[in-house]
């Protein structure tokens, strides 16, 4: 058989890298194209399928939690947890629900709830691409890592390529075998694009957006990133939840609640959830003459964070100066008006 001769001088410059001795240029181009296409598919850069539900999707969420994540819900849920779960369970393909705004006390289980809901969405496949947004990339990565742990405990399998390697399972990105994707996004990264391959986020969780030491400029920058980068990139049926404790009066959450910030106007805005409703407390003198504070009455919003737990936190926080104490307990949302009175009286 006569060996094929290729005139490389007559080959266009941008095609010379595909020239193979003894092989027709057209065949070499076709092989290169096939190889590149396979690489895109293996790495998850080409995805033409759809997400599909997996085992457990048809179970009521409370039953699913008891079977697949019993260690993640050690205490009975509070009303605020149930409201978030019922909202998430109502999500349907192609139908954008009103955004959910939840302002919970610190330690109220917001991140755990969001991480479990993320895994539940992967099981039900009512969404394909979840964007998990936090103030920093490190915080967002930690949440996505926690979601990965929950998914593994729930038996959700990773997406793998034809060689058995994961297509994406790290601190910043998760891809499941049934077509669900999670991407971490930190507001401090200045990233421009939030698409994953050809997918736009059809679920966005805003969690831990605000930080205690945010300056006015920092808050404004966060708002610009959310309103100019993240929200415009969402899909037409995107479901959005913003969950955060109210850290200070100028925080993003505070401005959303007050209406000063007009994003997410189509919303379900739940009431602010304190750790203890109708909180009453009184000063007490210790044996060595030091003063402290004792909770005398109130109703806990969640049995996991009951009055006894909150009392221990107040005892611990009393070790710092009074003004910092007031700010820290405000951070836990025990009682805003009561703590204002406490601060003004100091």
Foldseek 3Di string as FASTA:
>chain_A
DDADDDDLVPDDPVQSVQDDGRDDSVVSVVVVVVVVVLVCVQLVLDDDDAFAADPPLPPDVVVLCVVQPVVLDVFDAFPLLVVVVVVLNPQAAPAAAQAEEAAEFPVNCPLSSVLSSLLSCNNNRRFQEEEEEAQAQVVLLVSLLVSLVSNVSNVFAADGHPVRHGSDDHSAKGATNRRHIYGYDHLVPPDAADARNPHFGQEYEYENHDDQPDDLVSQVSSLCCCVPGRVVRHDPRHHYYYYYHCQDCNHPSNCVVVCVDPPSVRYDYDDNHAQWAPWDKDWDADPVGDIFIATDDTAGSTPVCGRVNVRVVRVVLVVDDLVVSLSVNVSRRNDNVVSVVVVVVD
